[in-house]
Amino acid sequence: MSDMLVDNEVDYRHVAEQLVRHCANMPLPMLKQVLYDEVTPALGGIAMTPAPPVWLMWDPDEVISRVSSMLVRRESSFFYRIGNNLWRLHLRSLARDLWCSLEEELLWVRANGLDR
């Protein structure tokens, strides 16, 4: 999902294919929750800067590190959790736009298979 938060045109079909391939057993509501509550809050700020440093794709290790760090801080600090909740609320429209485009492709890929 991190590929949707880059400074370039997003290939939603490719993201959907990767999710179907690697997260086949995750239901759509769970994928949506991960996008809204983990991926967008951890990476959205960088993607929204005027000249984001990530143009083509995120380094998978950096994504895992950023999301994990955010989740640990959210769990361990009451004040961070409040700030993070406000940040997630602020990013809700971005996540909603991303999800609408991704969900359409996910449904198509799940119905038609991975081969184009």
PDB file of N, CA and C in Angstrom:
ATOM      1  N   MET A   1       0.806  -1.199   0.000  1.00  0.00           N
ATOM      2  CA  MET A   1       0.000   0.000   0.000  1.00  0.00           C
ATOM      3  C   MET A   1       0.852   1.268   0.000  1.00  0.00           C
ATOM      4  N   SER A   2       2.086   1.131   0.446  1.00  0.00           N
ATOM      5  CA  SER A   2       2.955   2.308   0.493  1.00  0.00           C
ATOM      6  C   SER A   2       3.186   2.894  -0.895  1.00  0.00           C
ATOM      7  N   ASP A   3       3.062   2.083  -1.937  1.00  0.00           N
ATOM      8  CA  ASP A   3       3.251   2.579  -3.306  1.00  0.00           C
ATOM      9  C   ASP A   3       2.199   3.608  -3.713  1.00  0.00           C
ATOM     10  N   MET A   4       1.132   3.717  -2.934  1.00  0.00           N
ATOM     11  CA  MET A   4       0.113   4.726  -3.241  1.00  0.00           C
ATOM     12  C   MET A   4       0.502   6.095  -2.674  1.00  0.00           C
ATOM     13  N   LEU A   5       1.524   6.126  -1.843  1.00  0.00           N
ATOM     14  CA  LEU A   5       1.941   7.376  -1.210  1.00  0.00           C
ATOM     15  C   LEU A   5       3.307   7.805  -1.738  1.00  0.00           C
ATOM     16  N   VAL A   6       3.396   7.934  -3.038  1.00  0.00           N
ATOM     17  CA  VAL A   6       4.616   8.387  -3.696  1.00  0.00           C
ATOM     18  C   VAL A   6       4.285   9.594  -4.562  1.00  0.00           C
ATOM     19  N   ASP A   7       5.314  10.316  -4.962  1.00  0.00           N
ATOM     20  CA  ASP A   7       5.122  11.500  -5.798  1.00  0.00           C
ATOM     21  C   ASP A   7       5.198  11.104  -7.267  1.00  0.00           C
ATOM     22  N   ASN A   8       4.252  10.285  -7.673  1.00  0.00           N
ATOM     23  CA  ASN A   8       4.205   9.794  -9.035  1.00  0.00           C
ATOM     24  C   ASN A   8       2.810   9.230  -9.273  1.00  0.00           C
ATOM     25  N   GLU A   9       2.485   8.917 -10.511  1.00  0.00           N
ATOM     26  CA  GLU A   9       1.185   8.315 -10.804  1.00  0.00           C
ATOM     27  C   GLU A   9       1.135   6.916 -10.191  1.00  0.00           C
ATOM     28  N   VAL A  10       0.037   6.603  -9.562  1.00  0.00           N
ATOM     29  CA  VAL A  10      -0.106   5.336  -8.856  1.00  0.00           C
ATOM     30  C   VAL A  10      -0.751   4.295  -9.772  1.00  0.00           C
ATOM     31  N   ASP A  11      -0.152   3.123  -9.807  1.00  0.00           N
ATOM     32  CA  ASP A  11      -0.710   1.991 -10.546  1.00  0.00           C
ATOM     33  C   ASP A  11      -1.519   1.161  -9.543  1.00  0.00           C
ATOM     34  N   TYR A  12      -2.783   1.516  -9.388  1.00  0.00           N
ATOM     35  CA  TYR A  12      -3.639   0.852  -8.400  1.00  0.00           C
ATOM     36  C   TYR A  12      -3.818  -0.626  -8.720  1.00  0.00           C
ATOM     37  N   ARG A  13      -3.834  -0.981  -9.991  1.00  0.00           N
ATOM     38  CA  ARG A  13      -3.965  -2.399 -10.361  1.00  0.00           C
ATOM     39  C   ARG A  13      -2.767  -3.184  -9.817  1.00  0.00           C
ATOM     40  N   HIS A  14      -1.572  -2.622  -9.959  1.00  0.00           N
ATOM     41  CA  HIS A  14      -0.361  -3.293  -9.452  1.00  0.00           C
ATOM     42  C   HIS A  14      -0.424  -3.446  -7.937  1.00  0.00           C
ATOM     43  N   VAL A  15      -0.847  -2.397  -7.245  1.00  0.00           N
ATOM     44  CA  VAL A  15      -0.967  -2.467  -5.778  1.00  0.00           C
ATOM     45  C   VAL A  15      -1.984  -3.542  -5.408  1.00  0.00           C
ATOM     46  N   ALA A  16      -3.104  -3.585  -6.104  1.00  0.00           N
ATOM     47  CA  ALA A  16      -4.129  -4.592  -5.827  1.00  0.00           C
ATOM     48  C   ALA A  16      -3.594  -6.002  -6.080  1.00  0.00           C
ATOM     49  N   GLU A  17      -2.861  -6.179  -7.153  1.00  0.00           N
ATOM     50  CA  GLU A  17      -2.297  -7.499  -7.447  1.00  0.00           C
ATOM     51  C   GLU A  17      -1.325  -7.934  -6.355  1.00  0.00           C
ATOM     52  N   GLN A  18      -0.503  -6.996  -5.882  1.00  0.00           N
ATOM     53  CA  GLN A  18       0.439  -7.324  -4.806  1.00  0.00           C
ATOM     54  C   GLN A  18      -0.300  -7.707  -3.528  1.00  0.00           C
ATOM     55  N   LEU A  19      -1.360  -6.988  -3.220  1.00  0.00           N
ATOM     56  CA  LEU A  19      -2.137  -7.310  -2.023  1.00  0.00           C
ATOM     57  C   LEU A  19      -2.824  -8.666  -2.150  1.00  0.00           C
ATOM     58  N   VAL A  20      -3.374  -8.959  -3.309  1.00  0.00           N
ATOM     59  CA  VAL A  20      -4.017 -10.262  -3.522  1.00  0.00           C
ATOM     60  C   VAL A  20      -2.973 -11.377  -3.442  1.00  0.00           C
ATOM     61  N   ARG A  21      -1.809 -11.132  -3.970  1.00  0.00           N
ATOM     62  CA  ARG A  21      -0.740 -12.134  -3.961  1.00  0.00           C
ATOM     63  C   ARG A  21      -0.210 -12.368  -2.545  1.00  0.00           C
ATOM     64  N   HIS A  22       0.024 -11.299  -1.791  1.00  0.00           N
ATOM     65  CA  HIS A  22       0.708 -11.427  -0.500  1.00  0.00           C
ATOM     66  C   HIS A  22      -0.225 -11.402   0.712  1.00  0.00           C
ATOM     67  N   CYS A  23      -1.444 -10.953   0.545  1.00  0.00           N
ATOM     68  CA  CYS A  23      -2.400 -10.850   1.661  1.00  0.00           C
ATOM     69  C   CYS A  23      -3.735 -11.454   1.243  1.00  0.00           C
ATOM     70  N   ALA A  24      -3.680 -12.597   0.608  1.00  0.00           N
ATOM     71  CA  ALA A  24      -4.879 -13.196   0.005  1.00  0.00           C
ATOM     72  C   ALA A  24      -5.995 -13.448   1.013  1.00  0.00           C
ATOM     73  N   ASN A  25      -5.650 -13.738   2.250  1.00  0.00           N
ATOM     74  CA  ASN A  25      -6.676 -14.083   3.238  1.00  0.00           C
ATOM     75  C   ASN A  25      -7.195 -12.882   4.033  1.00  0.00           C
ATOM     76  N   MET A  26      -6.663 -11.705   3.758  1.00  0.00           N
ATOM     77  CA  MET A  26      -7.139 -10.522   4.483  1.00  0.00           C
ATOM     78  C   MET A  26      -8.414  -9.993   3.836  1.00  0.00           C
ATOM     79  N   PRO A  27      -9.494  -9.875   4.604  1.00  0.00           N
ATOM     80  CA  PRO A  27     -10.723  -9.316   4.034  1.00  0.00           C
ATOM     81  C   PRO A  27     -10.567  -7.821   3.746  1.00  0.00           C
ATOM     82  N   LEU A  28     -11.388  -7.313   2.854  1.00  0.00           N
ATOM     83  CA  LEU A  28     -11.317  -5.894   2.478  1.00  0.00           C
ATOM     84  C   LEU A  28     -11.409  -4.951   3.674  1.00  0.00           C
ATOM     85  N   PRO A  29     -12.313  -5.176   4.647  1.00  0.00           N
ATOM     86  CA  PRO A  29     -12.365  -4.247   5.779  1.00  0.00           C
ATOM     87  C   PRO A  29     -11.043  -4.176   6.565  1.00  0.00           C
ATOM     88  N   MET A  30     -10.328  -5.299   6.644  1.00  0.00           N
ATOM     89  CA  MET A  30      -9.053  -5.290   7.352  1.00  0.00           C
ATOM     90  C   MET A  30      -7.991  -4.525   6.554  1.00  0.00           C
ATOM     91  N   LEU A  31      -7.978  -4.724   5.239  1.00  0.00           N
ATOM     92  CA  LEU A  31      -7.047  -3.967   4.398  1.00  0.00           C
ATOM     93  C   LEU A  31      -7.331  -2.469   4.493  1.00  0.00           C
ATOM     94  N   LYS A  32      -8.598  -2.117   4.494  1.00  0.00           N
ATOM     95  CA  LYS A  32      -8.981  -0.715   4.620  1.00  0.00           C
ATOM     96  C   LYS A  32      -8.502  -0.148   5.955  1.00  0.00           C
ATOM     97  N   GLN A  33      -8.662  -0.897   7.022  1.00  0.00           N
ATOM     98  CA  GLN A  33      -8.233  -0.438   8.340  1.00  0.00           C
ATOM     99  C   GLN A  33      -6.715  -0.242   8.382  1.00  0.00           C
ATOM    100  N   VAL A  34      -5.966  -1.149   7.767  1.00  0.00           N
ATOM    101  CA  VAL A  34      -4.511  -1.006   7.723  1.00  0.00           C
ATOM    102  C   VAL A  34      -4.129   0.276   6.977  1.00  0.00           C
ATOM    103  N   LEU A  35      -4.800   0.539   5.867  1.00  0.00           N
ATOM    104  CA  LEU A  35      -4.518   1.765   5.114  1.00  0.00           C
ATOM    105  C   LEU A  35      -4.816   3.002   5.951  1.00  0.00           C
ATOM    106  N   TYR A  36      -5.994   3.042   6.569  1.00  0.00           N
ATOM    107  CA  TYR A  36      -6.430   4.209   7.333  1.00  0.00           C
ATOM    108  C   TYR A  36      -5.631   4.407   8.620  1.00  0.00           C
ATOM    109  N   ASP A  37      -5.349   3.308   9.340  1.00  0.00           N
ATOM    110  CA  ASP A  37      -4.795   3.425  10.685  1.00  0.00           C
ATOM    111  C   ASP A  37      -3.293   3.219  10.784  1.00  0.00           C
ATOM    112  N   GLU A  38      -2.676   2.654   9.744  1.00  0.00           N
ATOM    113  CA  GLU A  38      -1.248   2.371   9.838  1.00  0.00           C
ATOM    114  C   GLU A  38      -0.441   3.001   8.706  1.00  0.00           C
ATOM    115  N   VAL A  39      -0.777   2.659   7.473  1.00  0.00           N
ATOM    116  CA  VAL A  39       0.049   3.095   6.341  1.00  0.00           C
ATOM    117  C   VAL A  39      -0.048   4.607   6.117  1.00  0.00           C
ATOM    118  N   THR A  40      -1.262   5.121   5.998  1.00  0.00           N
ATOM    119  CA  THR A  40      -1.418   6.554   5.726  1.00  0.00           C
ATOM    120  C   THR A  40      -0.862   7.421   6.856  1.00  0.00           C
ATOM    121  N   PRO A  41      -1.134   7.123   8.132  1.00  0.00           N
ATOM    122  CA  PRO A  41      -0.553   7.962   9.182  1.00  0.00           C
ATOM    123  C   PRO A  41       0.974   7.908   9.242  1.00  0.00           C
ATOM    124  N   ALA A  42       1.542   6.738   8.944  1.00  0.00           N
ATOM    125  CA  ALA A  42       2.999   6.607   9.025  1.00  0.00           C
ATOM    126  C   ALA A  42       3.715   7.266   7.857  1.00  0.00           C
ATOM    127  N   LEU A  43       3.102   7.264   6.673  1.00  0.00           N
ATOM    128  CA  LEU A  43       3.783   7.751   5.469  1.00  0.00           C
ATOM    129  C   LEU A  43       3.142   8.987   4.850  1.00  0.00           C
ATOM    130  N   GLY A  44       1.931   9.310   5.259  1.00  0.00           N
ATOM    131  CA  GLY A  44       1.180  10.393   4.629  1.00  0.00           C
ATOM    132  C   GLY A  44       1.820  11.753   4.724  1.00  0.00           C
ATOM    133  N   GLY A  45       2.464  12.037   5.838  1.00  0.00           N
ATOM    134  CA  GLY A  45       3.092  13.345   6.012  1.00  0.00           C
ATOM    135  C   GLY A  45       4.195  13.590   5.005  1.00  0.00           C
ATOM    136  N   ILE A  46       4.981  12.577   4.750  1.00  0.00           N
ATOM    137  CA  ILE A  46       6.063  12.701   3.778  1.00  0.00           C
ATOM    138  C   ILE A  46       5.493  12.833   2.375  1.00  0.00           C
ATOM    139  N   ALA A  47       4.448  12.072   2.085  1.00  0.00           N
ATOM    140  CA  ALA A  47       3.847  12.114   0.750  1.00  0.00           C
ATOM    141  C   ALA A  47       3.175  13.452   0.471  1.00  0.00           C
ATOM    142  N   MET A  48       2.788  14.182   1.518  1.00  0.00           N
ATOM    143  CA  MET A  48       2.082  15.448   1.332  1.00  0.00           C
ATOM    144  C   MET A  48       3.012  16.661   1.270  1.00  0.00           C
ATOM    145  N   THR A  49       4.321  16.462   1.423  1.00  0.00           N
ATOM    146  CA  THR A  49       5.239  17.592   1.365  1.00  0.00           C
ATOM    147  C   THR A  49       5.333  18.102  -0.072  1.00  0.00           C
ATOM    148  N   PRO A  50       5.718  19.367  -0.263  1.00  0.00           N
ATOM    149  CA  PRO A  50       5.792  19.928  -1.618  1.00  0.00           C
ATOM    150  C   PRO A  50       6.727  19.162  -2.554  1.00  0.00           C
ATOM    151  N   ALA A  51       7.833  18.648  -2.031  1.00  0.00           N
ATOM    152  CA  ALA A  51       8.762  17.864  -2.846  1.00  0.00           C
ATOM    153  C   ALA A  51       9.109  16.589  -2.080  1.00  0.00           C
ATOM    154  N   PRO A  52       8.220  15.600  -2.121  1.00  0.00           N
ATOM    155  CA  PRO A  52       8.453  14.371  -1.357  1.00  0.00           C
ATOM    156  C   PRO A  52       9.732  13.658  -1.788  1.00  0.00           C
ATOM    157  N   PRO A  53      10.455  13.091  -0.840  1.00  0.00           N
ATOM    158  CA  PRO A  53      11.694  12.397  -1.187  1.00  0.00           C
ATOM    159  C   PRO A  53      11.463  11.041  -1.857  1.00  0.00           C
ATOM    160  N   VAL A  54      10.243  10.530  -1.793  1.00  0.00           N
ATOM    161  CA  VAL A  54       9.943   9.219  -2.378  1.00  0.00           C
ATOM    162  C   VAL A  54       9.152   9.441  -3.662  1.00  0.00           C
ATOM    163  N   TRP A  55       9.757   9.101  -4.794  1.00  0.00           N
ATOM    164  CA  TRP A  55       9.124   9.342  -6.087  1.00  0.00           C
ATOM    165  C   TRP A  55       8.551   8.081  -6.708  1.00  0.00           C
ATOM    166  N   LEU A  56       9.251   6.970  -6.607  1.00  0.00           N
ATOM    167  CA  LEU A  56       8.811   5.765  -7.302  1.00  0.00           C
ATOM    168  C   LEU A  56       8.267   4.706  -6.358  1.00  0.00           C
ATOM    169  N   MET A  57       9.012   4.409  -5.312  1.00  0.00           N
ATOM    170  CA  MET A  57       8.557   3.391  -4.375  1.00  0.00           C
ATOM    171  C   MET A  57       9.296   3.536  -3.051  1.00  0.00           C
ATOM    172  N   TRP A  58       8.643   3.079  -2.010  1.00  0.00           N
ATOM    173  CA  TRP A  58       9.244   3.087  -0.685  1.00  0.00           C
ATOM    174  C   TRP A  58      10.132   1.856  -0.523  1.00  0.00           C
ATOM    175  N   ASP A  59      11.179   2.020   0.254  1.00  0.00           N
ATOM    176  CA  ASP A  59      11.998   0.880   0.654  1.00  0.00           C
ATOM    177  C   ASP A  59      11.174   0.065   1.653  1.00  0.00           C
ATOM    178  N   PRO A  60      10.939  -1.222   1.396  1.00  0.00           N
ATOM    179  CA  PRO A  60      10.091  -2.019   2.295  1.00  0.00           C
ATOM    180  C   PRO A  60      10.551  -1.999   3.754  1.00  0.00           C
ATOM    181  N   ASP A  61      11.853  -2.006   3.974  1.00  0.00           N
ATOM    182  CA  ASP A  61      12.357  -1.970   5.352  1.00  0.00           C
ATOM    183  C   ASP A  61      12.023  -0.640   6.034  1.00  0.00           C
ATOM    184  N   GLU A  62      12.074   0.447   5.273  1.00  0.00           N
ATOM    185  CA  GLU A  62      11.730   1.753   5.835  1.00  0.00           C
ATOM    186  C   GLU A  62      10.244   1.820   6.177  1.00  0.00           C
ATOM    187  N   VAL A  63       9.396   1.241   5.333  1.00  0.00           N
ATOM    188  CA  VAL A  63       7.954   1.217   5.609  1.00  0.00           C
ATOM    189  C   VAL A  63       7.696   0.460   6.906  1.00  0.00           C
ATOM    190  N   ILE A  64       8.272  -0.725   7.016  1.00  0.00           N
ATOM    191  CA  ILE A  64       8.082  -1.535   8.221  1.00  0.00           C
ATOM    192  C   ILE A  64       8.583  -0.780   9.446  1.00  0.00           C
ATOM    193  N   SER A  65       9.727  -0.146   9.330  1.00  0.00           N
ATOM    194  CA  SER A  65      10.289   0.606  10.453  1.00  0.00           C
ATOM    195  C   SER A  65       9.394   1.775  10.860  1.00  0.00           C
ATOM    196  N   ARG A  66       8.921   2.537   9.889  1.00  0.00           N
ATOM    197  CA  ARG A  66       8.070   3.693  10.197  1.00  0.00           C
ATOM    198  C   ARG A  66       6.735   3.278  10.817  1.00  0.00           C
ATOM    199  N   VAL A  67       6.096   2.251  10.246  1.00  0.00           N
ATOM    200  CA  VAL A  67       4.805   1.800  10.772  1.00  0.00           C
ATOM    201  C   VAL A  67       4.996   1.200  12.162  1.00  0.00           C
ATOM    202  N   SER A  68       6.006   0.345  12.318  1.00  0.00           N
ATOM    203  CA  SER A  68       6.254  -0.284  13.625  1.00  0.00           C
ATOM    204  C   SER A  68       6.548   0.749  14.700  1.00  0.00           C
ATOM    205  N   SER A  69       7.380   1.710  14.367  1.00  0.00           N
ATOM    206  CA  SER A  69       7.726   2.765  15.321  1.00  0.00           C
ATOM    207  C   SER A  69       6.490   3.553  15.732  1.00  0.00           C
ATOM    208  N   MET A  70       5.662   3.896  14.756  1.00  0.00           N
ATOM    209  CA  MET A  70       4.443   4.637  15.056  1.00  0.00           C
ATOM    210  C   MET A  70       3.524   3.831  15.967  1.00  0.00           C
ATOM    211  N   LEU A  71       3.367   2.544  15.676  1.00  0.00           N
ATOM    212  CA  LEU A  71       2.475   1.709  16.483  1.00  0.00           C
ATOM    213  C   LEU A  71       2.988   1.547  17.909  1.00  0.00           C
ATOM    214  N   VAL A  72       4.300   1.398  18.079  1.00  0.00           N
ATOM    215  CA  VAL A  72       4.882   1.286  19.420  1.00  0.00           C
ATOM    216  C   VAL A  72       4.675   2.584  20.185  1.00  0.00           C
ATOM    217  N   ARG A  73       4.944   3.711  19.539  1.00  0.00           N
ATOM    218  CA  ARG A  73       4.751   5.010  20.204  1.00  0.00           C
ATOM    219  C   ARG A  73       3.286   5.243  20.530  1.00  0.00           C
ATOM    220  N   ARG A  74       2.395   4.847  19.637  1.00  0.00           N
ATOM    221  CA  ARG A  74       0.964   5.017  19.877  1.00  0.00           C
ATOM    222  C   ARG A  74       0.528   4.204  21.095  1.00  0.00           C
ATOM    223  N   GLU A  75       1.089   3.019  21.238  1.00  0.00           N
ATOM    224  CA  GLU A  75       0.725   2.137  22.352  1.00  0.00           C
ATOM    225  C   GLU A  75       1.332   2.593  23.678  1.00  0.00           C
ATOM    226  N   SER A  76       2.520   3.182  23.621  1.00  0.00           N
ATOM    227  CA  SER A  76       3.234   3.478  24.858  1.00  0.00           C
ATOM    228  C   SER A  76       3.036   4.896  25.389  1.00  0.00           C
ATOM    229  N   SER A  77       2.518   5.803  24.586  1.00  0.00           N
ATOM    230  CA  SER A  77       2.387   7.193  25.024  1.00  0.00           C
ATOM    231  C   SER A  77       0.970   7.707  24.824  1.00  0.00           C
ATOM    232  N   PHE A  78       0.360   8.085  25.912  1.00  0.00           N
ATOM    233  CA  PHE A  78      -0.986   8.647  25.862  1.00  0.00           C
ATOM    234  C   PHE A  78      -1.024   9.902  24.990  1.00  0.00           C
ATOM    235  N   PHE A  79      -0.053  10.790  25.168  1.00  0.00           N
ATOM    236  CA  PHE A  79      -0.036  12.048  24.424  1.00  0.00           C
ATOM    237  C   PHE A  79       0.241  11.816  22.935  1.00  0.00           C
ATOM    238  N   TYR A  80       1.133  10.866  22.644  1.00  0.00           N
ATOM    239  CA  TYR A  80       1.373  10.542  21.236  1.00  0.00           C
ATOM    240  C   TYR A  80       0.108   9.975  20.605  1.00  0.00           C
ATOM    241  N   ARG A  81      -0.609   9.137  21.349  1.00  0.00           N
ATOM    242  CA  ARG A  81      -1.844   8.531  20.839  1.00  0.00           C
ATOM    243  C   ARG A  81      -2.874   9.604  20.497  1.00  0.00           C
ATOM    244  N   ILE A  82      -2.992  10.620  21.355  1.00  0.00           N
ATOM    245  CA  ILE A  82      -3.921  11.722  21.073  1.00  0.00           C
ATOM    246  C   ILE A  82      -3.504  12.448  19.793  1.00  0.00           C
ATOM    247  N   GLY A  83      -2.231  12.780  19.694  1.00  0.00           N
ATOM    248  CA  GLY A  83      -1.736  13.456  18.501  1.00  0.00           C
ATOM    249  C   GLY A  83      -1.893  12.610  17.252  1.00  0.00           C
ATOM    250  N   ASN A  84      -1.621  11.312  17.395  1.00  0.00           N
ATOM    251  CA  ASN A  84      -1.748  10.418  16.257  1.00  0.00           C
ATOM    252  C   ASN A  84      -3.205  10.274  15.828  1.00  0.00           C
ATOM    253  N   ASN A  85      -4.127  10.270  16.782  1.00  0.00           N
ATOM    254  CA  ASN A  85      -5.552  10.218  16.436  1.00  0.00           C
ATOM    255  C   ASN A  85      -5.969  11.459  15.659  1.00  0.00           C
ATOM    256  N   LEU A  86      -5.477  12.607  16.070  1.00  0.00           N
ATOM    257  CA  LEU A  86      -5.770  13.847  15.337  1.00  0.00           C
ATOM    258  C   LEU A  86      -5.152  13.810  13.938  1.00  0.00           C
ATOM    259  N   TRP A  87      -3.939  13.293  13.843  1.00  0.00           N
ATOM    260  CA  TRP A  87      -3.262  13.172  12.555  1.00  0.00           C
ATOM    261  C   TRP A  87      -4.041  12.237  11.629  1.00  0.00           C
ATOM    262  N   ARG A  88      -4.511  11.103  12.161  1.00  0.00           N
ATOM    263  CA  ARG A  88      -5.303  10.171  11.346  1.00  0.00           C
ATOM    264  C   ARG A  88      -6.597  10.831  10.883  1.00  0.00           C
ATOM    265  N   LEU A  89      -7.198  11.608  11.733  1.00  0.00           N
ATOM    266  CA  LEU A  89      -8.420  12.327  11.354  1.00  0.00           C
ATOM    267  C   LEU A  89      -8.123  13.312  10.222  1.00  0.00           C
ATOM    268  N   HIS A  90      -7.006  14.010  10.326  1.00  0.00           N
ATOM    269  CA  HIS A  90      -6.582  14.964   9.300  1.00  0.00           C
ATOM    270  C   HIS A  90      -6.352  14.267   7.952  1.00  0.00           C
ATOM    271  N   LEU A  91      -5.822  13.042   7.980  1.00  0.00           N
ATOM    272  CA  LEU A  91      -5.499  12.310   6.753  1.00  0.00           C
ATOM    273  C   LEU A  91      -6.657  11.471   6.219  1.00  0.00           C
ATOM    274  N   ARG A  92      -7.793  11.520   6.881  1.00  0.00           N
ATOM    275  CA  ARG A  92      -8.918  10.657   6.522  1.00  0.00           C
ATOM    276  C   ARG A  92      -9.358  10.836   5.058  1.00  0.00           C
ATOM    277  N   SER A  93      -9.411  12.054   4.563  1.00  0.00           N
ATOM    278  CA  SER A  93      -9.857  12.249   3.177  1.00  0.00           C
ATOM    279  C   SER A  93      -8.830  11.693   2.183  1.00  0.00           C
ATOM    280  N   LEU A  94      -7.541  11.824   2.506  1.00  0.00           N
ATOM    281  CA  LEU A  94      -6.509  11.226   1.649  1.00  0.00           C
ATOM    282  C   LEU A  94      -6.669   9.714   1.625  1.00  0.00           C
ATOM    283  N   ALA A  95      -6.828   9.110   2.795  1.00  0.00           N
ATOM    284  CA  ALA A  95      -6.996   7.658   2.872  1.00  0.00           C
ATOM    285  C   ALA A  95      -8.263   7.216   2.142  1.00  0.00           C
ATOM    286  N   ARG A  96      -9.320   7.993   2.273  1.00  0.00           N
ATOM    287  CA  ARG A  96     -10.585   7.648   1.608  1.00  0.00           C
ATOM    288  C   ARG A  96     -10.406   7.664   0.084  1.00  0.00           C
ATOM    289  N   ASP A  97      -9.738   8.686  -0.438  1.00  0.00           N
ATOM    290  CA  ASP A  97      -9.499   8.759  -1.882  1.00  0.00           C
ATOM    291  C   ASP A  97      -8.653   7.577  -2.364  1.00  0.00           C
ATOM    292  N   LEU A  98      -7.598   7.265  -1.608  1.00  0.00           N
ATOM    293  CA  LEU A  98      -6.753   6.128  -1.970  1.00  0.00           C
ATOM    294  C   LEU A  98      -7.549   4.837  -1.939  1.00  0.00           C
ATOM    295  N   TRP A  99      -8.356   4.670  -0.876  1.00  0.00           N
ATOM    296  CA  TRP A  99      -9.117   3.427  -0.733  1.00  0.00           C
ATOM    297  C   TRP A  99     -10.143   3.264  -1.856  1.00  0.00           C
ATOM    298  N   CYS A 100     -10.820   4.308  -2.228  1.00  0.00           N
ATOM    299  CA  CYS A 100     -11.825   4.208  -3.296  1.00  0.00           C
ATOM    300  C   CYS A 100     -11.201   3.693  -4.588  1.00  0.00           C
ATOM    301  N   SER A 101     -10.046   4.214  -4.932  1.00  0.00           N
ATOM    302  CA  SER A 101      -9.366   3.763  -6.149  1.00  0.00           C
ATOM    303  C   SER A 101      -8.842   2.341  -5.991  1.00  0.00           C
ATOM    304  N   LEU A 102      -8.285   2.034  -4.833  1.00  0.00           N
ATOM    305  CA  LEU A 102      -7.721   0.708  -4.606  1.00  0.00           C
ATOM    306  C   LEU A 102      -8.807  -0.361  -4.517  1.00  0.00           C
ATOM    307  N   GLU A 103      -9.893  -0.065  -3.829  1.00  0.00           N
ATOM    308  CA  GLU A 103     -10.947  -1.058  -3.648  1.00  0.00           C
ATOM    309  C   GLU A 103     -11.500  -1.530  -4.987  1.00  0.00           C
ATOM    310  N   GLU A 104     -11.692  -0.603  -5.898  1.00  0.00           N
ATOM    311  CA  GLU A 104     -12.201  -0.958  -7.230  1.00  0.00           C
ATOM    312  C   GLU A 104     -11.268  -1.962  -7.911  1.00  0.00           C
ATOM    313  N   GLU A 105      -9.979  -1.708  -7.827  1.00  0.00           N
ATOM    314  CA  GLU A 105      -8.997  -2.615  -8.440  1.00  0.00           C
ATOM    315  C   GLU A 105      -8.915  -3.940  -7.687  1.00  0.00           C
ATOM    316  N   LEU A 106      -9.003  -3.893  -6.366  1.00  0.00           N
ATOM    317  CA  LEU A 106      -8.982  -5.131  -5.586  1.00  0.00           C
ATOM    318  C   LEU A 106     -10.143  -6.045  -5.960  1.00  0.00           C
ATOM    319  N   LEU A 107     -11.317  -5.467  -6.088  1.00  0.00           N
ATOM    320  CA  LEU A 107     -12.486  -6.262  -6.460  1.00  0.00           C
ATOM    321  C   LEU A 107     -12.306  -6.866  -7.848  1.00  0.00           C
ATOM    322  N   TRP A 108     -11.749  -6.083  -8.770  1.00  0.00           N
ATOM    323  CA  TRP A 108     -11.522  -6.575 -10.125  1.00  0.00           C
ATOM    324  C   TRP A 108     -10.509  -7.716 -10.123  1.00  0.00           C
ATOM    325  N   VAL A 109      -9.393  -7.531  -9.419  1.00  0.00           N
ATOM    326  CA  VAL A 109      -8.342  -8.556  -9.397  1.00  0.00           C
ATOM    327  C   VAL A 109      -8.843  -9.824  -8.710  1.00  0.00           C
ATOM    328  N   ARG A 110      -9.579  -9.673  -7.620  1.00  0.00           N
ATOM    329  CA  ARG A 110     -10.104 -10.857  -6.934  1.00  0.00           C
ATOM    330  C   ARG A 110     -11.117 -11.602  -7.815  1.00  0.00           C
ATOM    331  N   ALA A 111     -11.879 -10.890  -8.598  1.00  0.00           N
ATOM    332  CA  ALA A 111     -12.886 -11.522  -9.458  1.00  0.00           C
ATOM    333  C   ALA A 111     -12.258 -12.151 -10.714  1.00  0.00           C
ATOM    334  N   ASN A 112     -11.208 -11.530 -11.241  1.00  0.00           N
ATOM    335  CA  ASN A 112     -10.640 -11.966 -12.523  1.00  0.00           C
ATOM    336  C   ASN A 112      -9.286 -12.655 -12.421  1.00  0.00           C
ATOM    337  N   GLY A 113      -8.698 -12.695 -11.264  1.00  0.00           N
ATOM    338  CA  GLY A 113      -7.395 -13.341 -11.105  1.00  0.00           C
ATOM    339  C   GLY A 113      -6.252 -12.380 -11.330  1.00  0.00           C
ATOM    340  N   LEU A 114      -5.044 -12.880 -11.114  1.00  0.00           N
ATOM    341  CA  LEU A 114      -3.852 -12.041 -11.181  1.00  0.00           C
ATOM    342  C   LEU A 114      -3.354 -11.789 -12.587  1.00  0.00           C
ATOM    343  N   ASP A 115      -3.670 -12.623 -13.524  1.00  0.00           N
ATOM    344  CA  ASP A 115      -3.190 -12.428 -14.893  1.00  0.00           C
ATOM    345  C   ASP A 115      -3.961 -11.313 -15.566  1.00  0.00           C
ATOM    346  N   ARG A 116      -3.246 -10.444 -16.228  1.00  0.00           N
ATOM    347  CA  ARG A 116      -3.888  -9.319 -16.918  1.00  0.00           C
ATOM    348  C   ARG A 116      -4.489  -9.759 -18.211  1.00  0.00           C
TER     349      ARG A 116
END
